């Protein structure tokens, strides 16, 4: 995961991002890094909020997110919400 995220970052995938959402994974931790450590190793240098364990992606409940939609993300210790807007 770390290598893939570094590659995406270096290719400009996250340029202009206001935040990064990372879905939950059932993948095991590596020998030297946990999944969370791998994400932070690659993305911490972006200087934007990184929200991990989002209920989207390859692990149930598979929250659908529309590619290209604008989204407002609200996250606190007690609640989280994603509101997508299609224009």
C-alpha atoms as a PDB file:
ATOM      1  CA  UNK A   1       0.000   0.000   0.000  1.00  0.00           C
ATOM      2  CA  UNK A   2       2.793   2.392   0.897  1.00  0.00           C
ATOM      3  CA  UNK A   3       4.512   1.958  -2.485  1.00  0.00           C
ATOM      4  CA  UNK A   4       1.245   2.444  -4.405  1.00  0.00           C
ATOM      5  CA  UNK A   5       0.333   5.610  -2.503  1.00  0.00           C
ATOM      6  CA  UNK A   6       3.842   7.061  -2.917  1.00  0.00           C
ATOM      7  CA  UNK A   7       3.580   6.384  -6.658  1.00  0.00           C
ATOM      8  CA  UNK A   8       0.169   8.034  -6.861  1.00  0.00           C
ATOM      9  CA  UNK A   9       1.418  11.064  -4.906  1.00  0.00           C
ATOM     10  CA  UNK A  10       4.539  11.433  -7.064  1.00  0.00           C
ATOM     11  CA  UNK A  11       2.396  11.157 -10.210  1.00  0.00           C
ATOM     12  CA  UNK A  12       0.328  14.141  -9.026  1.00  0.00           C
ATOM     13  CA  UNK A  13      -2.814  12.183  -8.188  1.00  0.00           C
ATOM     14  CA  UNK A  14      -3.359  14.191  -4.979  1.00  0.00           C
ATOM     15  CA  UNK A  15      -2.405  17.627  -6.355  1.00  0.00           C
ATOM     16  CA  UNK A  16      -5.037  20.114  -5.268  1.00  0.00           C
ATOM     17  CA  UNK A  17      -6.638  17.747  -2.758  1.00  0.00           C
ATOM     18  CA  UNK A  18      -8.263  19.382   0.255  1.00  0.00           C
ATOM     19  CA  UNK A  19      -8.311  16.039   2.109  1.00  0.00           C
ATOM     20  CA  UNK A  20      -7.827  12.341   1.433  1.00  0.00           C
ATOM     21  CA  UNK A  21     -10.303   9.630   2.415  1.00  0.00           C
ATOM     22  CA  UNK A  22      -8.937   6.105   2.778  1.00  0.00           C
ATOM     23  CA  UNK A  23     -11.332   3.163   2.863  1.00  0.00           C
ATOM     24  CA  UNK A  24     -11.144   0.335   5.368  1.00  0.00           C
ATOM     25  CA  UNK A  25      -9.132  -2.684   4.359  1.00  0.00           C
ATOM     26  CA  UNK A  26      -9.005  -6.298   5.357  1.00  0.00           C
ATOM     27  CA  UNK A  27      -5.408  -6.514   4.146  1.00  0.00           C
ATOM     28  CA  UNK A  28      -2.898  -7.593   6.783  1.00  0.00           C
ATOM     29  CA  UNK A  29      -0.279  -5.229   8.125  1.00  0.00           C
ATOM     30  CA  UNK A  30       3.192  -5.548   6.623  1.00  0.00           C
ATOM     31  CA  UNK A  31       6.259  -6.789   8.444  1.00  0.00           C
ATOM     32  CA  UNK A  32       7.535  -3.249   9.057  1.00  0.00           C
ATOM     33  CA  UNK A  33       4.442  -1.007   8.703  1.00  0.00           C
ATOM     34  CA  UNK A  34       0.807  -1.213   9.687  1.00  0.00           C
ATOM     35  CA  UNK A  35      -1.736  -0.217   7.028  1.00  0.00           C
ATOM     36  CA  UNK A  36      -2.258   3.126   8.807  1.00  0.00           C
ATOM     37  CA  UNK A  37       1.491   3.769   9.053  1.00  0.00           C
ATOM     38  CA  UNK A  38       1.867   3.027   5.333  1.00  0.00           C
ATOM     39  CA  UNK A  39      -0.846   5.561   4.475  1.00  0.00           C
ATOM     40  CA  UNK A  40       0.688   8.238   6.679  1.00  0.00           C
ATOM     41  CA  UNK A  41       4.204   7.539   5.373  1.00  0.00           C
ATOM     42  CA  UNK A  42       3.017   8.308   1.849  1.00  0.00           C
ATOM     43  CA  UNK A  43       0.407  11.012   2.450  1.00  0.00           C
ATOM     44  CA  UNK A  44       1.443  12.953   5.555  1.00  0.00           C
ATOM     45  CA  UNK A  45       3.649  15.222   3.417  1.00  0.00           C
ATOM     46  CA  UNK A  46       0.546  16.496   1.594  1.00  0.00           C
ATOM     47  CA  UNK A  47      -0.352  18.668   4.578  1.00  0.00           C
ATOM     48  CA  UNK A  48      -4.075  17.918   4.261  1.00  0.00           C
ATOM     49  CA  UNK A  49      -6.374  15.930   6.552  1.00  0.00           C
ATOM     50  CA  UNK A  50      -6.262  12.167   5.983  1.00  0.00           C
ATOM     51  CA  UNK A  51      -9.358  10.305   7.184  1.00  0.00           C
ATOM     52  CA  UNK A  52      -8.809   6.557   7.465  1.00  0.00           C
ATOM     53  CA  UNK A  53     -11.190   3.617   7.825  1.00  0.00           C
ATOM     54  CA  UNK A  54     -13.920   5.247   5.747  1.00  0.00           C
ATOM     55  CA  UNK A  55     -16.827   2.848   5.093  1.00  0.00           C
ATOM     56  CA  UNK A  56     -16.179   2.698   1.344  1.00  0.00           C
ATOM     57  CA  UNK A  57     -14.186   0.532  -0.979  1.00  0.00           C
ATOM     58  CA  UNK A  58     -13.551  -3.191  -0.845  1.00  0.00           C
ATOM     59  CA  UNK A  59     -14.859  -3.928   2.674  1.00  0.00           C
ATOM     60  CA  UNK A  60     -18.569  -3.939   3.609  1.00  0.00           C
ATOM     61  CA  UNK A  61     -20.738  -1.857   3.738  1.00  0.00           C
ATOM     62  CA  UNK A  62     -19.192  -0.565   0.468  1.00  0.00           C
ATOM     63  CA  UNK A  63     -20.469   3.037   0.650  1.00  0.00           C
ATOM     64  CA  UNK A  64     -20.661   4.219  -2.966  1.00  0.00           C
ATOM     65  CA  UNK A  65     -18.836   7.450  -3.748  1.00  0.00           C
ATOM     66  CA  UNK A  66     -19.403   9.049  -7.155  1.00  0.00           C
ATOM     67  CA  UNK A  67     -16.144   9.646  -9.012  1.00  0.00           C
ATOM     68  CA  UNK A  68     -15.860  13.336  -9.878  1.00  0.00           C
ATOM     69  CA  UNK A  69     -18.636  14.508  -7.554  1.00  0.00           C
ATOM     70  CA  UNK A  70     -17.992  17.388  -5.192  1.00  0.00           C
ATOM     71  CA  UNK A  71     -18.152  16.301  -1.579  1.00  0.00           C
ATOM     72  CA  UNK A  72     -18.359  17.907   1.835  1.00  0.00           C
ATOM     73  CA  UNK A  73     -16.757  15.806   4.565  1.00  0.00           C
ATOM     74  CA  UNK A  74     -17.538  16.396   8.220  1.00  0.00           C
ATOM     75  CA  UNK A  75     -15.621  14.386  10.802  1.00  0.00           C
ATOM     76  CA  UNK A  76     -15.389  14.645  14.580  1.00  0.00           C
ATOM     77  CA  UNK A  77     -14.786  12.308  17.491  1.00  0.00           C
ATOM     78  CA  UNK A  78     -18.503  11.450  17.619  1.00  0.00           C
ATOM     79  CA  UNK A  79     -19.823  11.687  14.058  1.00  0.00           C
ATOM     80  CA  UNK A  80     -18.828  11.545  10.411  1.00  0.00           C
ATOM     81  CA  UNK A  81     -20.739  12.459   7.253  1.00  0.00           C
ATOM     82  CA  UNK A  82     -20.059  12.720   3.541  1.00  0.00           C
ATOM     83  CA  UNK A  83     -22.466  14.757   1.398  1.00  0.00           C
ATOM     84  CA  UNK A  84     -21.938  14.474  -2.346  1.00  0.00           C
ATOM     85  CA  UNK A  85     -23.190  17.012  -4.894  1.00  0.00           C
ATOM     86  CA  UNK A  86     -23.529  16.311  -8.591  1.00  0.00           C
ATOM     87  CA  UNK A  87     -23.396  19.369 -10.812  1.00  0.00           C
END
